[in-house]
Protein backbone atom coordinates (compact mmCIF):
# COMPACT_ATOMS: atom_id res chain seq x y z
CA MET A 1 49.14 57.23 82.75
CA LYS A 2 48.61 60.91 83.33
CA GLN A 3 45.04 61.81 82.44
CA GLN A 4 45.64 65.09 80.69
CA LYS A 5 43.28 67.17 78.64
CA GLY A 6 44.03 69.29 75.64
CA SER A 7 45.47 69.06 72.16
CA GLY A 8 47.21 65.71 72.47
CA LYS A 9 50.70 67.23 72.70
CA LYS A 10 52.85 66.34 75.65
CA GLU A 11 56.06 67.68 77.04
CA GLU A 12 59.20 65.53 77.08
CA GLY A 13 59.03 63.08 79.98
CA GLU A 14 55.25 63.23 80.36
CA THR A 15 53.08 60.17 79.99
CA MET A 16 50.29 59.30 77.57
CA GLU A 17 47.61 61.79 76.67
CA VAL A 18 44.35 60.00 77.47
CA GLY A 19 42.11 62.51 75.71
CA LEU A 20 43.75 61.82 72.37
CA LEU A 21 43.32 58.08 72.80
CA HIS A 22 39.62 58.52 73.59
CA GLU A 23 39.28 60.60 70.41
CA LEU A 24 40.69 57.68 68.42
CA PHE A 25 38.37 55.07 69.94
CA PRO A 26 35.39 55.51 67.56
CA ALA A 27 37.69 54.93 64.59
CA MET A 28 38.97 51.76 66.28
CA VAL A 29 35.43 50.44 66.55
CA GLU A 30 34.61 51.40 62.97
CA LEU A 31 37.69 49.66 61.57
CA ARG A 32 37.22 46.59 63.73
CA ARG A 33 33.65 46.17 62.49
CA HIS A 34 34.73 46.70 58.87
CA LEU A 35 37.34 43.97 59.25
CA HIS A 36 34.83 41.72 60.99
CA ARG A 37 32.47 42.04 58.04
CA HIS A 38 35.30 41.32 55.58
CA PRO A 39 37.50 38.60 57.10
CA GLU A 40 40.30 36.87 55.22
CA LEU A 41 41.92 33.51 55.95
CA SER A 42 45.57 32.94 56.78
CA PHE A 43 47.96 33.64 53.89
CA ARG A 44 45.10 35.36 51.99
CA GLU A 45 44.94 38.72 53.78
CA GLU A 46 45.35 40.75 50.58
CA GLU A 47 42.52 43.24 51.07
CA THR A 48 43.17 43.62 54.80
CA SER A 49 46.84 44.30 54.11
CA ALA A 50 46.08 46.86 51.42
CA HIS A 51 43.53 48.63 53.62
CA ILE A 52 45.98 48.92 56.53
CA ALA A 53 48.79 50.14 54.29
CA GLU A 54 46.54 52.83 52.83
CA ARG A 55 45.49 54.04 56.28
CA LEU A 56 49.10 54.21 57.45
CA GLN A 57 50.13 56.19 54.40
CA GLU A 58 47.32 58.66 55.05
CA LEU A 59 48.82 59.20 58.50
CA GLY A 60 52.22 60.00 57.03
CA ILE A 61 53.78 56.79 58.34
CA GLU A 62 56.57 55.11 56.37
CA VAL A 63 55.10 51.86 55.04
CA SER A 64 56.53 48.61 53.70
CA VAL A 65 54.09 46.12 52.15
CA ASN A 66 54.27 42.42 51.29
CA VAL A 67 56.70 41.82 54.13
CA GLY A 68 57.01 38.06 54.45
CA GLY A 69 53.74 37.58 52.58
CA TYR A 70 50.92 40.04 53.20
CA GLY A 71 52.68 41.59 56.18
CA VAL A 72 52.72 45.37 56.60
CA VAL A 73 55.37 47.31 58.51
CA GLY A 74 54.92 50.93 59.56
CA LYS A 75 57.77 53.02 60.94
CA ILE A 76 57.27 56.19 63.00
CA TYR A 77 60.41 58.17 63.75
CA GLY A 78 60.35 60.36 66.83
CA GLY A 79 61.73 63.83 67.26
CA LEU A 80 64.02 62.66 70.07
CA PRO A 81 66.80 60.04 70.02
CA GLY A 82 65.98 56.66 71.49
CA LYS A 83 65.42 52.95 71.05
CA THR A 84 63.25 51.07 68.55
CA VAL A 85 60.09 49.54 70.00
CA ALA A 86 58.08 47.08 67.89
CA LEU A 87 54.37 46.50 68.42
CA ARG A 88 52.64 43.60 66.69
CA ALA A 89 49.08 42.69 65.66
CA ASP A 90 47.86 39.66 63.71
CA MET A 91 45.31 40.06 60.88
CA ASP A 92 43.97 36.64 59.82
CA ALA A 93 40.54 35.08 60.36
CA LEU A 94 39.36 31.48 60.75
CA PRO A 95 37.38 29.01 58.57
CA ILE A 96 34.26 29.26 60.75
CA GLN A 97 30.72 30.28 59.81
CA ASP A 98 29.68 33.40 61.73
CA GLU A 99 26.45 32.72 63.65
CA LYS A 100 26.08 36.14 65.30
CA THR A 101 23.11 38.36 64.54
CA CYS A 102 24.56 41.88 64.45
CA ASP A 103 25.19 44.51 61.80
CA TYR A 104 28.91 43.69 61.63
CA ALA A 105 28.59 39.91 61.22
CA SER A 106 30.86 38.36 58.62
CA GLU A 107 29.73 38.76 55.02
CA GLN A 108 32.14 36.04 53.87
CA PRO A 109 30.51 32.57 54.02
CA GLY A 110 32.47 30.17 56.15
CA VAL A 111 35.02 32.75 57.31
CA MET A 112 34.97 34.90 60.44
CA HIS A 113 37.16 36.68 62.96
CA ALA A 114 36.58 34.23 65.80
CA CYS A 115 39.71 35.07 67.78
CA GLY A 116 39.84 38.87 67.99
CA HIS A 117 42.47 39.57 65.33
CA ASP A 118 40.23 42.23 63.82
CA GLY A 119 40.38 44.02 67.16
CA HIS A 120 44.15 43.60 67.33
CA THR A 121 44.56 45.19 63.91
CA ALA A 122 42.23 48.09 64.67
CA THR A 123 43.98 48.67 67.99
CA LEU A 124 47.45 48.81 66.47
CA LEU A 125 46.35 51.20 63.75
CA ALA A 126 45.01 53.55 66.43
CA VAL A 127 48.29 53.24 68.31
CA GLY A 128 50.07 54.18 65.10
CA GLU A 129 47.88 57.24 64.70
CA TYR A 130 48.54 58.23 68.32
CA PHE A 131 52.31 58.13 67.84
CA ALA A 132 52.07 59.82 64.44
CA LYS A 133 50.29 62.75 66.09
CA THR A 134 52.77 62.95 68.97
CA ARG A 135 55.94 62.11 67.07
CA GLU A 136 57.72 65.34 68.02
CA GLN A 137 57.86 64.15 71.64
CA LEU A 138 58.51 60.50 70.70
CA ARG A 139 61.87 58.98 71.60
CA GLY A 140 63.39 56.73 68.93
CA GLU A 141 61.23 54.66 66.60
CA ILE A 142 57.90 52.89 66.92
CA ARG A 143 57.63 49.99 64.48
CA LEU A 144 54.17 48.59 63.75
CA LEU A 145 54.05 44.96 62.63
CA PHE A 146 50.76 43.90 61.02
CA GLN A 147 51.29 40.18 60.67
CA PRO A 148 49.47 37.66 58.47
CA ALA A 149 48.80 33.99 59.17
CA GLU A 150 49.04 33.54 62.92
CA GLU A 151 46.36 30.85 62.95
CA VAL A 152 48.04 28.34 60.62
CA CYS A 153 51.51 26.84 60.98
CA PRO A 154 54.19 27.72 59.98
CA GLY A 155 52.61 31.13 60.66
CA GLY A 156 53.57 34.58 59.48
CA ALA A 157 56.03 35.63 62.18
CA THR A 158 59.01 33.67 60.85
CA SER A 159 58.59 35.00 57.33
CA MET A 160 58.32 38.59 58.58
CA ILE A 161 61.44 38.12 60.69
CA ALA A 162 63.27 36.67 57.69
CA ALA A 163 62.18 39.69 55.66
CA GLY A 164 63.81 42.04 58.17
CA ALA A 165 60.82 43.20 60.22
CA LEU A 166 62.84 42.92 63.46
CA ASP A 167 66.08 44.41 62.14
CA GLY A 168 67.25 47.04 64.61
CA VAL A 169 64.39 46.39 67.07
CA ASP A 170 65.28 46.58 70.77
CA VAL A 171 62.06 45.27 72.34
CA ILE A 172 58.65 44.01 71.19
CA TYR A 173 55.18 43.94 72.74
CA GLY A 174 51.94 42.31 71.71
CA VAL A 175 48.44 41.85 73.10
CA HIS A 176 45.63 39.36 72.74
CA LEU A 177 42.04 40.42 73.43
CA TRP A 178 40.95 37.62 75.73
CA THR A 179 37.30 36.89 76.54
CA PRO A 180 38.06 34.51 79.47
CA LEU A 181 39.11 37.68 81.30
CA PRO A 182 36.55 40.40 82.09
CA VAL A 183 36.95 43.87 80.65
CA GLY A 184 39.19 45.91 82.91
CA THR A 185 41.51 43.02 83.74
CA VAL A 186 44.84 42.28 82.05
CA ALA A 187 47.22 39.38 82.65
CA SER A 188 50.64 38.07 81.74
CA ARG A 189 53.46 36.12 83.33
CA PRO A 190 57.24 35.90 83.18
CA GLY A 191 58.64 32.85 81.44
CA ALA A 192 56.31 30.44 79.67
CA LEU A 193 52.91 32.03 79.05
CA MET A 194 51.61 29.99 76.08
CA ALA A 195 52.35 26.44 75.00
CA SER A 196 54.25 25.09 72.04
CA THR A 197 52.13 23.47 69.37
CA ASP A 198 52.84 20.54 67.05
CA GLU A 199 50.48 18.83 64.61
CA PHE A 200 50.39 15.25 63.43
CA PHE A 201 48.55 13.47 60.62
CA ILE A 202 48.38 9.67 60.56
CA GLU A 203 47.03 7.41 57.83
CA MET A 204 46.31 3.83 58.86
CA GLN A 205 46.45 1.57 55.82
CA GLY A 206 44.69 -1.78 55.93
CA GLN A 207 42.97 -4.02 53.39
CA GLY A 208 39.37 -3.29 52.54
CA GLY A 209 36.61 -5.73 51.87
CA HIS A 210 33.05 -6.84 52.55
CA GLY A 211 31.54 -5.90 55.91
CA GLY A 212 30.22 -9.44 56.25
CA MET A 213 33.64 -11.04 55.73
CA PRO A 214 35.97 -9.17 58.11
CA HIS A 215 38.36 -12.15 58.36
CA LYS A 216 39.39 -11.45 54.78
CA THR A 217 40.35 -7.83 55.54
CA VAL A 218 42.57 -5.61 57.67
CA ASP A 219 40.17 -3.10 59.19
CA SER A 220 41.82 0.33 59.13
CA VAL A 221 39.01 1.90 61.16
CA VAL A 222 39.45 -0.57 64.03
CA ALA A 223 43.23 -0.06 63.97
CA ALA A 224 42.86 3.73 63.96
CA SER A 225 40.29 3.61 66.77
CA ALA A 226 42.64 1.51 68.86
CA LEU A 227 45.38 4.04 68.22
CA VAL A 228 43.14 6.89 69.44
CA LEU A 229 42.79 5.07 72.77
CA GLN A 230 46.50 4.24 72.95
CA LEU A 231 47.47 7.88 72.42
CA GLN A 232 45.50 8.87 75.51
CA SER A 233 48.22 7.15 77.57
CA VAL A 234 51.00 9.41 76.29
CA VAL A 235 50.36 12.21 78.78
CA SER A 236 48.88 10.10 81.58
CA ARG A 237 51.67 7.50 81.62
CA SER A 238 54.75 8.99 79.92
CA VAL A 239 54.81 12.64 81.02
CA ASP A 240 55.61 13.92 84.50
CA PRO A 241 52.24 14.77 86.14
CA LEU A 242 53.68 18.15 87.20
CA ASP A 243 54.60 19.01 83.61
CA PRO A 244 51.52 20.32 81.71
CA ALA A 245 50.92 18.65 78.35
CA VAL A 246 48.01 17.85 76.04
CA VAL A 247 47.60 15.36 73.20
CA THR A 248 44.31 15.86 71.37
CA ILE A 249 42.90 13.85 68.46
CA GLY A 250 40.74 16.36 66.63
CA ALA A 251 39.60 14.35 63.61
CA ILE A 252 39.21 10.75 62.47
CA GLN A 253 37.95 9.92 59.00
CA GLY A 254 37.47 6.53 57.40
CA GLY A 255 35.03 4.50 55.39
CA THR A 256 32.36 5.19 52.80
CA ALA A 257 29.45 2.88 53.62
CA GLN A 258 28.06 0.77 56.47
CA ASN A 259 28.85 -2.57 54.78
CA ILE A 260 32.35 -1.81 53.50
CA ILE A 261 35.46 -2.29 55.57
CA ALA A 262 37.67 0.70 54.81
CA ASP A 263 41.19 0.12 53.57
CA ARG A 264 42.33 3.55 54.86
CA CYS A 265 41.53 5.68 57.88
CA LYS A 266 43.03 9.06 58.71
CA LEU A 267 43.35 10.82 62.02
CA SER A 268 44.93 14.08 63.03
CA GLY A 269 45.76 15.82 66.27
CA THR A 270 47.73 18.43 68.15
CA VAL A 271 50.33 18.41 70.92
CA ARG A 272 50.68 21.23 73.47
CA CYS A 273 53.32 21.55 76.18
CA PHE A 274 55.90 23.97 77.61
CA GLU A 275 59.19 22.10 77.93
CA GLU A 276 61.27 21.16 74.88
CA GLY A 277 62.25 17.86 76.49
CA THR A 278 58.59 16.97 76.97
CA ARG A 279 57.89 18.00 73.40
CA ALA A 280 60.52 15.58 72.10
CA LEU A 281 59.30 12.78 74.39
CA ILE A 282 55.69 13.10 73.22
CA ARG A 283 56.74 13.02 69.59
CA GLN A 284 58.73 9.84 70.19
CA ARG A 285 55.84 8.17 72.01
CA ILE A 286 53.34 9.03 69.27
CA HIS A 287 55.62 7.46 66.67
CA ALA A 288 56.20 4.35 68.76
CA LEU A 289 52.53 3.80 69.60
CA THR A 290 51.44 4.39 66.02
CA GLU A 291 53.91 1.89 64.61
CA GLY A 292 53.19 -0.66 67.34
CA THR A 293 49.41 -0.42 66.99
CA ALA A 294 49.56 -0.72 63.22
CA GLN A 295 51.72 -3.83 63.51
CA ALA A 296 49.41 -5.38 66.11
CA TYR A 297 46.43 -5.09 63.72
CA GLY A 298 48.33 -6.13 60.61
CA ALA A 299 48.14 -2.65 59.13
CA GLU A 300 50.69 -0.07 58.06
CA ALA A 301 50.88 3.53 59.20
CA ILE A 302 52.15 6.71 57.57
CA ILE A 303 52.97 9.48 60.06
CA ASN A 304 53.40 13.13 59.16
CA TYR A 305 54.53 14.97 62.30
CA MET A 306 54.80 18.76 61.87
CA PRO A 307 56.59 20.80 64.55
CA GLY A 308 54.81 24.12 65.07
CA TYR A 309 55.30 27.18 67.26
CA PRO A 310 57.60 27.03 70.28
CA SER A 311 56.43 27.98 73.74
CA LEU A 312 55.98 31.73 74.20
CA ILE A 313 58.54 32.86 76.79
CA ASN A 314 58.12 36.38 78.20
CA HIS A 315 61.19 38.23 79.44
CA GLU A 316 61.33 38.94 83.16
CA ARG A 317 62.03 42.67 82.98
CA GLU A 318 59.32 43.27 80.38
CA TYR A 319 56.81 41.36 82.48
CA GLU A 320 57.78 43.58 85.43
CA ARG A 321 57.21 46.59 83.18
CA PHE A 322 53.74 45.26 82.39
CA MET A 323 52.90 44.98 86.10
CA GLU A 324 54.15 48.54 86.65
CA ALA A 325 52.45 50.11 83.64
CA ALA A 326 49.08 48.33 83.52
CA PRO A 327 47.54 49.86 86.68
CA GLU A 328 48.29 53.31 85.26
CA VAL A 329 46.22 52.56 82.14
CA PHE A 330 42.56 53.37 82.87
CA GLY A 331 43.04 51.74 86.29
CA LEU A 332 43.38 48.26 84.78
CA HIS A 333 43.62 45.35 87.19
CA ALA A 334 46.82 43.41 86.42
CA GLU A 335 47.03 39.71 87.26
CA LEU A 336 49.66 36.99 87.10
CA SER A 337 48.34 34.60 84.45
CA THR A 338 48.59 30.87 84.74
CA PRO A 339 50.30 29.21 81.75
CA ILE A 340 47.73 28.54 79.01
CA MET A 341 47.68 25.85 76.32
CA PRO A 342 46.77 27.94 73.25
CA ALA A 343 49.84 28.73 71.14
CA GLU A 344 51.05 31.93 69.48
CA ASP A 345 53.73 32.58 66.88
CA PHE A 346 54.60 35.76 68.78
CA ALA A 347 56.92 33.23 70.43
CA TYR A 348 59.34 33.63 67.52
CA TYR A 349 59.70 37.38 68.11
CA VAL A 350 60.64 37.02 71.77
CA GLN A 351 63.20 34.39 70.80
CA LYS A 352 64.98 37.16 68.90
CA VAL A 353 64.52 40.25 71.11
CA PRO A 354 63.23 40.94 74.63
CA GLY A 355 59.50 41.40 74.91
CA CYS A 356 56.20 40.64 76.58
CA PHE A 357 52.88 39.25 75.36
CA MET A 358 49.84 40.37 77.33
CA LEU A 359 46.23 39.23 77.66
CA VAL A 360 43.62 42.02 77.71
CA GLY A 361 40.22 41.20 79.16
CA ALA A 362 37.46 41.34 76.53
CA GLY A 363 34.62 39.39 78.14
CA ASN A 364 31.52 41.10 79.51
CA GLY A 365 28.89 38.50 80.40
CA GLN A 366 26.60 39.78 77.62
CA ASN A 367 27.57 39.38 73.97
CA ALA A 368 31.23 38.57 74.69
CA VAL A 369 30.68 35.29 76.49
CA TYR A 370 31.67 32.70 73.89
CA PRO A 371 35.11 31.08 73.80
CA HIS A 372 37.67 31.86 71.15
CA HIS A 373 37.09 29.98 67.86
CA HIS A 374 33.34 29.73 68.57
CA PRO A 375 30.83 30.62 65.78
CA LYS A 376 29.28 33.30 68.04
CA PHE A 377 32.56 34.72 69.31
CA ASP A 378 32.60 38.46 69.97
CA ILE A 379 34.53 40.93 72.10
CA ASP A 380 33.65 43.87 74.30
CA GLU A 381 35.06 46.65 72.12
CA GLN A 382 36.05 48.69 75.17
CA ALA A 383 38.90 46.21 75.46
CA MET A 384 40.51 47.75 72.36
CA LEU A 385 40.88 51.06 74.18
CA HIS A 386 42.56 49.24 77.07
CA ALA A 387 44.84 47.33 74.69
CA ALA A 388 45.89 50.50 72.88
CA GLY A 389 46.62 52.25 76.17
CA LEU A 390 48.65 49.29 77.41
CA LEU A 391 50.79 49.12 74.25
CA ILE A 392 51.43 52.87 74.37
CA ALA A 393 52.29 52.75 78.07
CA MET A 394 54.70 49.86 77.56
CA ALA A 395 56.43 51.60 74.67
CA GLU A 396 56.72 54.91 76.51
CA SER A 397 58.00 53.22 79.68
CA TYR A 398 60.72 51.37 77.77
CA SER A 399 61.73 54.48 75.82
CA ALA A 400 61.92 56.57 78.99
CA GLU A 401 63.96 53.95 80.84
CA HIS A 402 66.47 53.75 78.00
CA ALA A 403 66.57 57.43 77.10
């Protein structure tokens, strides 16, 4: 990135104008804090969507609303011929009570941005403003995808793709502000970066009765508890030890009182892995163990297994572009990431077109120390400036290479 000074205009072939991006940073912070105070859950991002669409229109950007739900698409056409580069940000919040004490804490009870999507949205809007102000020197088209519902399967990516958000797109990039990495560090990897995710919901049906007469009942809680232990053997005894996988039981619910044997007990969990063969194997083992355990305890089981996002596979050349471009953006330190088990529906985009998903360090050892999805989660807002610079650098590098 060439650190120029001046009006924000650049000659054809020159790299990003840093001064302009710094000018946009205060507005990034302001918007991020507004969104943090007013979070909206997945599939309910009506006000967020409307706010983003209004801001894009003010910038003279062509806008499409209600794309695959509450999705917003902005199109910026450059003054020079070239390819179409898509940049994506997710907008939804989580059903978590904000426990931070700051002036931008969530004002919506039980809802907060605990994963950084407010920062993603604010970053992409600033990127849109940057390209709107430099469109005369822009090659091709920049397409901004503001996506709803990343946090809840089936997610918002597939519906936006079905609605045409990727039509004509040549490459796509996305970022995640990531507190496990310190500010100033970015990371990605070629191939599998993030895991696939499936969800399962099991209801163990027994026969209820008096707590003092268990021989007259079929205890659904005991059967479900046994199943929880059995499921721990799926990864440890059925999956290759060199093939990363996780089976987690996140909830178990059964019974109403201490002296009543419950006739029903529910449990739910998630599966994370990288290989499709492993994904199919784990699903088969969960079904087999559930049915076998239910039979052993004289119960019946209903299984609802819901396939979720596939593994996020970055394209080799676009990962190489990331490693080339990142050090030029504010001197960012670029690292090869290990594969990580969180999932992302950005995976659907890179199934359709080449692209790269990148982690941008947002931790600082002060306020930004809590893990994602924690009630006190926060980011170092300087990371938004780094994320914006990285997205711009990636887009400009691709456009220049394919001019």
